[in-house]
Amino acid sequence: MLSSWEAIEHSGPYKFDEDYIDYFTELVKRAGDYDFHVFINFHQDVWSRVSGGDGHPLWLFDKVGLDYTKFDEADAAINMQYLWDPDPKKNRYKVMVWGDNRKLFPASTMWTLFWAGKDFTPKLMVEDEITGDNINIQDYLQNHFITCVEKIANNLKDMEHVFGFNPLNEPSLGCIGQSVSKRVLKLEKKEDGQYNEPIPGIAWSPLDTMAAAAGFSRDIEKIGIGIKGLQVKKVMNVNPKNVRIWKDGAEDFWEFHGVWKIENDEPVALKDDYFSLVNGRRVDFTADYLVPFHKRISYMIRKYNRDWLVLIENDPEINGPLRYSPWPEDMPERAVNAFHWYDIIQLALKRFFWPITLDLVKLRPVWGMKGIQKMYVRQMKPHIELSKPVNDGEFPLLVGEFGIAMDMKKGKAYRKWKKKGNKAFKLHEKILDLMYNALDELLLNGTLWNYASFNTNKWGDNWNQEDLSIYSKDQQIESFSESIYSGARGLGGFCRPYARKIAGTPIKMKFKRKIRI
């Protein structure tokens, strides 16, 4: 069940929305009344709703000197409310723009401060509103976040159907580990044997984002999907109006800390390895920042319930197709590897290519449904290998999110649904079947994203043009009193038997359904 930092502390520091907390508590309680077992997910995507996603309160930008009302005009964020148009020919908001927004200044900067302000902005001190103490921005941000999680934990501590907390949905590493000035334009092997992967969208470097935030216009390559995989498609001019997003009188703390400066009217990087080395040692985002934060969360929530699990995700960019960051051996007790997995092509392009598609891991074609299923297995399997050495083998896995875009081919199934009913979703069922087959083969559990009670064919899940819900009001032809399946989409793909309880250790699980496409 989803909550967020902004939902709890949106009005300002230490101004908690008690009405919302009571509402969420009652919602979780009702889930137990219907025999659901749940974990609590503090959801965010690319930091906040003004930086292209959701999750964290807007007053945090004020705290560090950023004027979020200028983000859109300065090309510092891609937000639907400024670009979407009901006329498809005029609509400038593209689907699945996570890659762009993750690299842009607001999200990348705030995440860097959240994880590693003490290492990368040691002089950025802010006043705590209660104690009056000046503390580093990292401590300030983490303290407020953890306090909000604690508000929820305290209210749910006696609910037996709540089995744990997933503190941060899809955390981002910000600038940590990146070259300040280098743009990633092609697949490149790094010194540690991992890879720098190009990401669809504008190939921002941290220096580009800092310069644009200071009011510089930049010409930057744009990455797209081609026959040979990801490649440069064209060059884009960003922030052509030279809009500065710092508040009047606010100091650019990156410039102040010596990351970059203006030289001959041009921005230049002063320390290209600034975000990679601390005191001469190469940083490890997972071990140095992500895990210590989750240890703090673990300690806090277990004051309320010692049995709660802590479901931990890594940055999807790190634990992606070609960069699998090892977990440290000293993880918190009762931790769970809750990685996310999607068929990126299906999700991003809202198309399912068969009998031939592209394996983005191997960068080679894949043939047939069996080949696609094997590809899914290959993409998830490394997470199992990463978990084996952790906590003496006691680091279980849960696919914290997986799912499919229901509005493939511009919602073709919706147009067919009025005549064919659920048969209009037979391709969706097949894709979900392949995914569940892959989970069964790997003996993995997974949580399907998502069920949105307010979904409609026009607006999808009601934000960001996403439409992954297995239920929609527009597919509901009966009331729930007449059929619990009313409104379901792709029902035959996710409604299937599985072993709920067994005696002993499972060796193999398989379910075969017969279907024609």
Protein backbone atom coordinates (compact mmCIF):
# COMPACT_ATOMS: atom_id res chain seq x y z
CA MET A 1 0.00 0.00 0.00
CA LEU A 2 1.32 3.39 -1.03
CA SER A 3 2.00 6.48 1.02
CA SER A 4 4.42 9.36 0.51
CA TRP A 5 6.47 11.96 2.32
CA GLU A 6 4.49 14.79 0.69
CA ALA A 7 1.16 13.32 1.83
CA ILE A 8 2.29 13.52 5.45
CA GLU A 9 4.38 16.72 5.58
CA HIS A 10 3.19 18.78 2.61
CA SER A 11 2.40 22.00 4.48
CA GLY A 12 5.89 22.60 5.80
CA PRO A 13 8.50 21.21 8.18
CA TYR A 14 6.97 19.41 11.17
CA LYS A 15 3.45 20.29 9.97
CA PHE A 16 2.01 16.79 9.80
CA ASP A 17 -1.32 16.10 8.12
CA GLU A 18 -3.02 14.16 10.92
CA ASP A 19 -6.23 13.76 8.91
CA TYR A 20 -4.31 12.00 6.16
CA ILE A 21 -2.45 9.81 8.66
CA ASP A 22 -5.79 8.74 10.20
CA TYR A 23 -7.21 8.08 6.72
CA PHE A 24 -4.22 5.95 5.70
CA THR A 25 -4.36 4.04 8.98
CA GLU A 26 -8.02 3.18 8.38
CA LEU A 27 -7.25 2.17 4.79
CA VAL A 28 -4.58 -0.28 5.95
CA LYS A 29 -6.90 -1.63 8.62
CA ARG A 30 -9.61 -2.33 6.03
CA ALA A 31 -7.10 -4.25 3.92
CA GLY A 32 -6.73 -6.61 6.86
CA ASP A 33 -10.50 -6.91 7.17
CA TYR A 34 -10.45 -8.40 3.65
CA ASP A 35 -7.57 -10.77 4.47
CA PHE A 36 -4.92 -8.90 2.52
CA HIS A 37 -1.34 -9.09 3.76
CA VAL A 38 0.41 -5.84 2.90
CA PHE A 39 3.68 -3.98 3.07
CA ILE A 40 3.87 -0.19 3.16
CA ASN A 41 5.60 1.47 0.23
CA PHE A 42 6.75 5.07 0.60
CA HIS A 43 6.37 6.00 -3.04
CA GLN A 44 8.31 8.51 -5.07
CA ASP A 45 9.33 8.92 -8.67
CA VAL A 46 12.11 11.33 -9.68
CA TRP A 47 11.74 13.15 -6.35
CA SER A 48 8.55 15.24 -6.67
CA ARG A 49 5.58 16.27 -8.76
CA VAL A 50 7.31 19.45 -9.97
CA SER A 51 10.38 17.52 -11.12
CA GLY A 52 8.38 15.09 -13.26
CA GLY A 53 7.15 12.52 -10.75
CA ASP A 54 5.73 12.46 -7.24
CA GLY A 55 6.65 11.83 -3.63
CA HIS A 56 8.48 14.54 -1.72
CA PRO A 57 7.19 17.94 -0.49
CA LEU A 58 7.82 21.06 -2.53
CA TRP A 59 9.08 23.21 0.36
CA LEU A 60 12.33 21.21 0.28
CA PHE A 61 13.31 23.11 -2.88
CA ASP A 62 12.82 26.39 -1.02
CA LYS A 63 15.07 25.08 1.73
CA VAL A 64 18.04 24.71 -0.63
CA GLY A 65 17.38 27.89 -2.63
CA LEU A 66 15.60 26.60 -5.77
CA ASP A 67 12.59 28.26 -7.40
CA TYR A 68 10.48 25.34 -8.60
CA THR A 69 8.07 27.64 -10.44
CA LYS A 70 10.78 28.09 -13.09
CA PHE A 71 11.66 24.43 -13.64
CA ASP A 72 9.50 24.00 -16.73
CA GLU A 73 10.49 27.24 -18.44
CA ALA A 74 14.18 26.41 -17.89
CA ASP A 75 13.83 22.85 -19.26
CA ALA A 76 14.83 21.62 -15.79
CA ALA A 77 11.85 19.25 -15.61
CA ILE A 78 9.42 17.62 -18.02
CA ASN A 79 5.97 17.98 -16.50
CA MET A 80 2.74 16.76 -18.02
CA GLN A 81 0.65 19.73 -16.90
CA TYR A 82 2.63 22.11 -19.12
CA LEU A 83 3.04 19.96 -22.22
CA TRP A 84 -0.03 17.73 -22.53
CA ASP A 85 -2.67 18.61 -25.11
CA PRO A 86 -5.86 16.64 -25.95
CA ASP A 87 -5.00 17.05 -29.62
CA PRO A 88 -2.42 14.33 -30.40
CA LYS A 89 -0.81 16.55 -33.03
CA LYS A 90 -0.20 19.29 -30.47
CA ASN A 91 0.70 17.07 -27.54
CA ARG A 92 4.38 17.60 -26.67
CA TYR A 93 4.39 15.36 -23.60
CA LYS A 94 5.95 12.00 -24.44
CA VAL A 95 5.34 8.76 -22.59
CA MET A 96 7.76 7.34 -20.03
CA VAL A 97 10.11 10.30 -19.60
CA TRP A 98 11.69 8.93 -16.40
CA GLY A 99 15.17 8.79 -17.92
CA ASP A 100 15.13 12.48 -18.78
CA ASN A 101 13.77 13.69 -15.46
CA ARG A 102 16.13 11.51 -13.41
CA LYS A 103 19.12 13.22 -15.05
CA LEU A 104 17.80 16.78 -14.78
CA PHE A 105 18.96 19.21 -12.13
CA PRO A 106 16.10 19.17 -9.56
CA ALA A 107 15.94 15.39 -9.12
CA SER A 108 19.66 14.64 -9.50
CA THR A 109 20.67 17.43 -7.13
CA MET A 110 18.11 16.67 -4.41
CA TRP A 111 18.94 12.97 -4.41
CA THR A 112 22.66 13.73 -4.13
CA LEU A 113 21.96 15.94 -1.12
CA PHE A 114 19.65 13.35 0.43
CA TRP A 115 22.18 10.50 0.26
CA ALA A 116 25.54 12.23 0.50
CA GLY A 117 25.28 15.88 1.45
CA LYS A 118 27.93 15.42 4.14
CA ASP A 119 30.40 14.14 1.53
CA PHE A 120 29.60 16.41 -1.42
CA THR A 121 28.14 19.57 0.18
CA PRO A 122 29.73 19.58 3.66
CA LYS A 123 29.23 23.35 4.01
CA LEU A 124 25.53 23.30 3.13
CA MET A 125 24.03 23.68 6.60
CA VAL A 126 20.38 24.38 7.38
CA GLU A 127 18.55 25.18 10.58
CA ASP A 128 16.34 22.56 12.18
CA GLU A 129 13.03 24.29 12.93
CA ILE A 130 12.53 22.55 16.29
CA THR A 131 15.99 22.43 17.85
CA GLY A 132 17.44 25.51 16.18
CA ASP A 133 20.62 23.55 15.41
CA ASN A 134 22.47 24.01 12.14
CA ILE A 135 22.84 20.58 10.55
CA ASN A 136 24.01 19.30 7.18
CA ILE A 137 21.37 19.09 4.48
CA GLN A 138 21.74 15.28 4.33
CA ASP A 139 20.80 14.91 7.99
CA TYR A 140 18.01 17.45 7.60
CA LEU A 141 16.40 15.63 4.68
CA GLN A 142 16.79 12.13 6.10
CA ASN A 143 15.58 13.15 9.56
CA HIS A 144 12.36 14.61 8.17
CA PHE A 145 11.74 11.62 5.93
CA ILE A 146 12.31 9.08 8.69
CA THR A 147 10.06 11.06 11.04
CA CYS A 148 7.22 10.73 8.51
CA VAL A 149 7.79 6.98 8.16
CA GLU A 150 7.71 6.75 11.95
CA LYS A 151 4.34 8.49 12.06
CA ILE A 152 2.89 5.65 9.98
CA ALA A 153 4.81 2.88 11.75
CA ASN A 154 3.48 3.96 15.12
CA ASN A 155 -0.12 3.72 13.93
CA LEU A 156 0.29 0.30 12.27
CA LYS A 157 2.42 -1.45 14.90
CA ASP A 158 -0.35 -3.76 16.12
CA MET A 159 -1.74 -4.76 12.70
CA GLU A 160 -0.70 -8.36 12.14
CA HIS A 161 -1.44 -8.30 8.41
CA VAL A 162 1.25 -5.62 7.85
CA PHE A 163 4.48 -7.54 7.32
CA GLY A 164 6.95 -4.79 6.53
CA PHE A 165 8.02 -1.48 5.02
CA ASN A 166 9.47 -0.62 1.62
CA PRO A 167 10.95 2.76 2.62
CA LEU A 168 11.79 4.15 -0.82
CA ASN A 169 10.33 3.30 -4.19
CA GLU A 170 12.96 3.30 -6.96
CA PRO A 171 15.57 5.45 -5.21
CA SER A 172 17.89 7.42 -7.45
CA LEU A 173 21.63 7.89 -6.95
CA GLY A 174 21.57 11.47 -8.27
CA CYS A 175 25.07 12.51 -9.37
CA ILE A 176 26.88 9.96 -7.20
CA GLY A 177 29.50 8.03 -9.15
CA GLN A 178 29.11 10.09 -12.32
CA SER A 179 31.66 12.11 -14.21
CA VAL A 180 30.84 15.80 -13.84
CA SER A 181 31.26 16.73 -17.50
CA LYS A 182 31.04 13.52 -19.54
CA ARG A 183 27.87 12.73 -21.45
CA VAL A 184 27.06 9.02 -21.83
CA LEU A 185 26.39 8.63 -25.54
CA LYS A 186 27.24 4.97 -26.04
CA LEU A 187 27.75 1.79 -24.08
CA GLU A 188 31.12 2.04 -22.35
CA LYS A 189 32.91 -0.32 -19.99
CA LYS A 190 34.10 1.24 -16.73
CA GLU A 191 37.21 0.54 -14.66
CA ASP A 192 35.27 -1.71 -12.27
CA GLY A 193 34.01 -3.93 -15.10
CA GLN A 194 30.51 -2.44 -15.05
CA TYR A 195 29.05 -0.36 -17.85
CA ASN A 196 27.93 3.20 -18.41
CA GLU A 197 24.65 2.85 -20.24
CA PRO A 198 23.11 5.51 -22.47
CA ILE A 199 19.50 6.23 -21.49
CA PRO A 200 16.79 7.28 -23.95
CA GLY A 201 16.35 11.03 -23.89
CA ILE A 202 18.68 14.02 -23.67
CA ALA A 203 22.18 12.93 -22.57
CA TRP A 204 22.65 15.42 -19.75
CA SER A 205 25.88 15.42 -17.78
CA PRO A 206 25.85 16.88 -14.25
CA LEU A 207 27.74 19.91 -15.60
CA ASP A 208 25.02 20.46 -18.22
CA THR A 209 22.34 20.47 -15.54
CA MET A 210 24.29 22.86 -13.30
CA ALA A 211 24.98 25.23 -16.17
CA ALA A 212 21.36 25.19 -17.32
CA ALA A 213 20.19 25.80 -13.74
CA ALA A 214 22.45 28.88 -13.69
CA GLY A 215 20.82 30.19 -16.88
CA PHE A 216 23.06 28.84 -19.65
CA SER A 217 21.63 27.44 -22.86
CA ARG A 218 23.16 24.09 -23.91
CA ASP A 219 23.28 21.97 -27.07
CA ILE A 220 23.06 18.31 -26.00
CA GLU A 221 22.75 15.04 -27.90
CA LYS A 222 19.50 13.10 -27.67
CA ILE A 223 19.53 9.30 -27.39
CA GLY A 224 16.91 7.19 -29.14
CA ILE A 225 16.23 3.54 -29.90
CA GLY A 226 17.58 2.38 -33.26
CA ILE A 227 18.21 -0.90 -35.02
CA LYS A 228 21.51 -1.33 -33.17
CA GLY A 229 20.07 -0.36 -29.82
CA LEU A 230 20.47 3.05 -28.16
CA GLN A 231 22.21 5.68 -30.26
CA VAL A 232 22.43 9.43 -30.82
CA LYS A 233 19.51 10.64 -32.90
CA LYS A 234 19.92 14.44 -32.92
CA VAL A 235 21.16 17.46 -30.96
CA MET A 236 18.73 19.45 -28.81
CA ASN A 237 19.01 23.03 -27.58
CA VAL A 238 17.90 23.24 -23.94
CA ASN A 239 17.02 26.30 -21.86
CA PRO A 240 17.04 28.60 -24.91
CA LYS A 241 15.51 31.39 -22.81
CA ASN A 242 18.46 31.31 -20.37
CA VAL A 243 16.17 30.97 -17.34
CA ARG A 244 17.91 30.74 -13.95
CA ILE A 245 16.16 28.49 -11.40
CA TRP A 246 17.98 29.66 -8.28
CA LYS A 247 15.95 31.93 -6.00
CA ASP A 248 17.02 35.55 -5.75
CA GLY A 249 19.92 35.78 -3.32
CA ALA A 250 20.45 32.01 -3.18
CA GLU A 251 23.95 30.65 -3.63
CA ASP A 252 24.75 27.88 -6.12
CA PHE A 253 26.21 25.41 -3.65
CA TRP A 254 27.79 23.29 -6.40
CA GLU A 255 29.76 26.28 -7.63
CA PHE A 256 30.56 27.22 -4.03
CA HIS A 257 31.95 23.73 -3.36
CA GLY A 258 34.22 23.93 -6.39
CA VAL A 259 32.47 21.49 -8.71
CA TRP A 260 32.34 23.96 -11.59
CA LYS A 261 32.86 27.61 -12.46
CA ILE A 262 32.36 30.10 -15.29
CA GLU A 263 35.50 30.66 -17.31
CA ASN A 264 35.50 32.97 -20.35
CA ASP A 265 31.69 33.02 -20.19
CA GLU A 266 31.55 29.22 -20.41
CA PRO A 267 30.79 26.67 -17.66
CA VAL A 268 33.71 24.30 -17.00
CA ALA A 269 34.15 21.39 -14.61
CA LEU A 270 36.87 21.83 -11.99
CA LYS A 271 36.88 18.30 -10.59
CA ASP A 272 35.55 15.76 -13.05
CA ASP A 273 35.69 12.97 -10.45
CA TYR A 274 34.03 15.09 -7.75
CA PHE A 275 31.12 12.67 -7.31
CA SER A 276 33.26 9.54 -7.61
CA LEU A 277 36.02 10.05 -5.05
CA VAL A 278 35.81 10.98 -1.38
CA ASN A 279 39.13 11.42 0.42
CA GLY A 280 40.80 9.55 -2.42
CA ARG A 281 38.49 6.53 -2.16
CA ARG A 282 36.04 5.57 -4.90
CA VAL A 283 32.50 5.70 -3.55
CA ASP A 284 30.02 2.83 -3.72
CA PHE A 285 26.45 4.13 -3.74
CA THR A 286 24.95 0.89 -2.46
CA ALA A 287 27.36 0.25 0.42
CA ASP A 288 28.15 3.85 1.37
CA TYR A 289 24.74 5.49 1.17
CA LEU A 290 21.76 3.27 0.34
CA VAL A 291 22.33 0.53 2.93
CA PRO A 292 23.28 2.83 5.86
CA PHE A 293 20.04 4.75 5.29
CA HIS A 294 18.02 1.52 5.36
CA LYS A 295 19.77 0.49 8.55
CA ARG A 296 18.48 3.69 10.15
CA ILE A 297 14.98 2.90 8.90
CA SER A 298 15.24 -0.70 10.14
CA TYR A 299 16.28 0.39 13.61
CA MET A 300 13.41 2.86 13.79
CA ILE A 301 10.55 0.66 12.62
CA ARG A 302 11.60 -2.26 14.82
CA LYS A 303 11.07 -0.13 17.87
CA TYR A 304 7.41 -0.55 16.96
CA ASN A 305 7.38 -4.10 15.57
CA ARG A 306 10.48 -6.26 15.80
CA ASP A 307 9.23 -8.72 13.16
CA TRP A 308 8.71 -6.27 10.32
CA LEU A 309 10.62 -6.93 7.10
CA VAL A 310 12.53 -4.13 5.39
CA LEU A 311 12.11 -4.32 1.60
CA ILE A 312 15.08 -2.65 -0.08
CA GLU A 313 15.40 -1.52 -3.68
CA ASN A 314 18.47 -0.23 -5.43
CA ASP A 315 18.56 2.45 -8.06
CA PRO A 316 17.09 0.83 -11.21
CA GLU A 317 19.93 2.35 -13.22
CA ILE A 318 22.52 0.55 -11.06
CA ASN A 319 20.75 -2.80 -10.96
CA GLY A 320 19.75 -2.57 -14.57
CA PRO A 321 20.57 -4.80 -17.52
CA LEU A 322 24.33 -4.20 -17.53
CA ARG A 323 25.14 -2.78 -14.10
CA TYR A 324 24.50 -5.09 -11.18
CA SER A 325 25.93 -3.60 -8.02
CA PRO A 326 26.76 -6.18 -5.32
CA TRP A 327 24.95 -5.90 -2.01
CA PRO A 328 27.24 -5.63 1.04
CA GLU A 329 27.25 -8.66 3.30
CA ASP A 330 26.17 -6.74 6.40
CA MET A 331 22.63 -5.91 5.34
CA PRO A 332 19.95 -5.21 7.97
CA GLU A 333 18.38 -8.30 9.52
CA ARG A 334 15.16 -9.50 7.87
CA ALA A 335 15.92 -7.47 4.76
CA VAL A 336 14.35 -8.35 1.41
CA ASN A 337 15.72 -7.61 -2.06
CA ALA A 338 12.61 -5.99 -3.58
CA PHE A 339 13.94 -5.19 -7.05
CA HIS A 340 11.66 -3.97 -9.85
CA TRP A 341 11.54 -5.53 -13.30
CA TYR A 342 9.73 -4.64 -16.53
CA ASP A 343 9.89 -5.47 -20.21
CA ILE A 344 11.33 -2.04 -21.01
CA ILE A 345 10.40 -2.05 -24.69
CA GLN A 346 6.79 -3.03 -24.00
CA LEU A 347 6.50 -0.45 -21.23
CA ALA A 348 8.26 2.46 -22.92
CA LEU A 349 6.91 2.04 -26.45
CA LYS A 350 3.56 0.55 -25.43
CA ARG A 351 4.06 -2.14 -28.04
CA PHE A 352 4.75 -5.86 -27.87
CA PHE A 353 6.95 -7.00 -30.71
CA TRP A 354 6.61 -10.65 -31.61
CA PRO A 355 7.52 -13.12 -32.93
CA ILE A 356 10.74 -11.07 -32.85
CA THR A 357 11.88 -8.49 -30.33
CA LEU A 358 15.13 -7.01 -29.04
CA ASP A 359 16.92 -8.19 -25.90
CA LEU A 360 18.30 -4.95 -24.44
CA VAL A 361 20.70 -6.94 -22.23
CA LYS A 362 22.33 -9.00 -24.96
CA LEU A 363 21.58 -6.43 -27.70
CA ARG A 364 20.41 -9.19 -30.00
CA PRO A 365 17.09 -10.30 -31.50
CA VAL A 366 14.89 -12.77 -29.64
CA TRP A 367 12.55 -15.13 -31.46
CA GLY A 368 9.15 -16.47 -30.49
CA MET A 369 7.18 -16.55 -27.27
CA LYS A 370 9.50 -19.14 -25.73
CA GLY A 371 12.49 -16.96 -26.58
CA ILE A 372 10.85 -13.93 -24.98
CA GLN A 373 10.10 -15.91 -21.83
CA LYS A 374 13.73 -17.06 -21.66
CA MET A 375 14.77 -13.43 -22.06
CA TYR A 376 12.62 -12.50 -19.06
CA VAL A 377 14.30 -15.24 -17.04
CA ARG A 378 17.76 -14.01 -18.06
CA GLN A 379 16.96 -10.46 -17.03
CA MET A 380 15.70 -11.36 -13.55
CA LYS A 381 18.13 -14.17 -12.71
CA PRO A 382 21.16 -11.97 -11.83
CA HIS A 383 19.24 -10.56 -8.87
CA ILE A 384 19.09 -14.06 -7.41
CA GLU A 385 22.84 -14.46 -7.76
CA LEU A 386 23.41 -11.07 -6.11
CA SER A 387 21.33 -12.10 -3.10
CA LYS A 388 22.92 -15.48 -2.37
CA PRO A 389 26.04 -14.28 -0.48
CA VAL A 390 24.16 -11.70 1.61
CA ASN A 391 23.29 -12.28 5.27
CA ASP A 392 24.53 -15.89 5.06
CA GLY A 393 22.02 -16.64 2.33
CA GLU A 394 19.12 -15.08 4.24
CA PHE A 395 18.33 -12.27 1.81
CA PRO A 396 15.08 -13.32 0.10
CA LEU A 397 13.75 -11.72 -3.05
CA LEU A 398 10.46 -10.16 -4.06
CA VAL A 399 9.84 -8.55 -7.44
CA GLY A 400 8.47 -5.39 -5.93
CA GLU A 401 6.96 -4.22 -9.20
CA PHE A 402 6.28 -5.75 -12.58
CA GLY A 403 3.49 -5.26 -15.07
CA ILE A 404 2.55 -4.15 -18.57
CA ALA A 405 1.16 -1.13 -20.38
CA MET A 406 -2.51 -1.91 -21.01
CA ASP A 407 -2.93 0.82 -23.63
CA MET A 408 -0.78 -0.81 -26.30
CA LYS A 409 -1.11 0.52 -29.84
CA LYS A 410 -2.87 3.67 -28.63
CA GLY A 411 -5.51 1.72 -26.73
CA LYS A 412 -6.48 -0.68 -29.49
CA ALA A 413 -7.91 -3.17 -26.98
CA TYR A 414 -10.28 -0.52 -25.61
CA ARG A 415 -11.80 0.04 -29.02
CA LYS A 416 -12.26 -3.73 -29.52
CA TRP A 417 -13.56 -4.31 -26.01
CA LYS A 418 -17.10 -3.13 -26.75
CA LYS A 419 -17.48 -5.92 -29.32
CA LYS A 420 -15.16 -8.62 -28.00
CA GLY A 421 -15.24 -8.09 -24.24
CA ASN A 422 -12.30 -9.63 -22.39
CA LYS A 423 -11.11 -11.30 -25.60
CA ALA A 424 -9.84 -7.87 -26.61
CA PHE A 425 -7.13 -8.33 -23.98
CA LYS A 426 -5.88 -11.73 -25.11
CA LEU A 427 -2.44 -10.36 -26.07
CA HIS A 428 -2.16 -8.70 -22.66
CA GLU A 429 -2.99 -12.04 -21.07
CA LYS A 430 -0.27 -13.76 -23.05
CA ILE A 431 2.38 -11.22 -22.04
CA LEU A 432 1.43 -11.51 -18.38
CA ASP A 433 1.48 -15.28 -18.72
CA LEU A 434 5.06 -15.15 -20.01
CA MET A 435 6.06 -12.98 -17.08
CA TYR A 436 4.42 -15.21 -14.51
CA ASN A 437 5.97 -18.26 -16.17
CA ALA A 438 9.39 -16.64 -15.76
CA LEU A 439 8.67 -15.93 -12.08
CA ASP A 440 7.58 -19.54 -11.58
CA GLU A 441 10.72 -20.86 -13.27
CA LEU A 442 12.88 -18.77 -10.93
CA LEU A 443 10.65 -19.51 -7.90
CA LEU A 444 10.18 -15.80 -7.34
CA ASN A 445 7.28 -13.94 -5.77
CA GLY A 446 6.09 -10.73 -7.37
CA THR A 447 3.67 -7.85 -6.82
CA LEU A 448 1.84 -6.76 -9.95
CA TRP A 449 1.76 -3.04 -10.71
CA ASN A 450 -1.02 -2.11 -10.40
CA TYR A 451 -4.67 -1.89 -9.35
CA ALA A 452 -6.02 1.65 -9.71
CA SER A 453 -9.67 1.97 -8.71
CA PHE A 454 -9.97 5.28 -10.58
CA ASN A 455 -8.48 4.09 -13.87
CA THR A 456 -10.22 5.10 -17.09
CA ASN A 457 -9.34 4.39 -20.71
CA LYS A 458 -8.80 8.10 -21.39
CA TRP A 459 -6.63 9.00 -18.41
CA GLY A 460 -5.15 5.64 -17.47
CA ASP A 461 -3.79 5.53 -13.92
CA ASN A 462 -4.44 9.27 -13.73
CA TRP A 463 -0.92 10.59 -14.05
CA ASN A 464 2.06 10.63 -16.38
CA GLN A 465 0.05 8.90 -19.14
CA GLU A 466 0.70 5.56 -17.41
CA ASP A 467 -1.94 2.89 -17.86
CA LEU A 468 -0.92 -0.37 -16.18
CA SER A 469 -3.97 -1.05 -14.03
CA ILE A 470 -5.51 -4.53 -14.22
CA TYR A 471 -8.88 -2.83 -13.50
CA SER A 472 -10.66 0.04 -15.18
CA LYS A 473 -14.03 1.66 -14.65
CA ASP A 474 -14.50 1.63 -18.41
CA GLN A 475 -14.30 -2.16 -18.52
CA GLN A 476 -16.80 -2.57 -15.73
CA ILE A 477 -20.15 -3.78 -17.04
CA GLU A 478 -21.45 -5.31 -13.81
CA SER A 479 -21.38 -4.26 -10.21
CA PHE A 480 -19.01 -6.02 -7.85
CA SER A 481 -22.01 -7.63 -6.20
CA GLU A 482 -22.67 -9.44 -9.49
CA SER A 483 -19.08 -10.38 -10.31
CA ILE A 484 -15.79 -9.81 -8.49
CA TYR A 485 -14.10 -9.82 -11.90
CA SER A 486 -16.05 -6.88 -13.24
CA GLY A 487 -13.70 -4.28 -14.72
CA ALA A 488 -10.74 -6.68 -15.01
CA ARG A 489 -8.30 -6.34 -17.90
CA GLY A 490 -6.04 -9.22 -18.92
CA LEU A 491 -7.72 -11.41 -16.33
CA GLY A 492 -6.48 -14.71 -17.75
CA GLY A 493 -2.89 -13.52 -17.50
CA PHE A 494 -2.72 -12.84 -13.78
CA CYS A 495 -5.54 -14.99 -12.35
CA ARG A 496 -3.81 -18.36 -12.18
CA PRO A 497 -3.05 -21.14 -9.67
CA TYR A 498 0.12 -21.19 -7.61
CA ALA A 499 1.48 -23.04 -4.61
CA ARG A 500 0.54 -21.03 -1.53
CA LYS A 501 1.74 -23.49 1.10
CA ILE A 502 4.02 -26.50 0.77
CA ALA A 503 5.90 -28.86 3.05
CA GLY A 504 9.62 -28.67 2.32
CA THR A 505 11.70 -26.65 -0.10
CA PRO A 506 10.22 -26.00 -3.55
CA ILE A 507 12.27 -27.28 -6.47
CA LYS A 508 10.07 -26.48 -9.44
CA MET A 509 6.78 -24.74 -10.16
CA LYS A 510 5.08 -24.56 -13.54
CA PHE A 511 1.67 -23.75 -14.93
CA LYS A 512 0.76 -24.14 -18.59
CA ARG A 513 -2.22 -22.50 -20.18
CA LYS A 514 -3.47 -23.07 -23.70
CA ILE A 515 -4.17 -19.99 -25.73
CA ARG A 516 -4.06 -18.90 -29.33
CA ILE A 517 -3.10 -15.45 -30.53
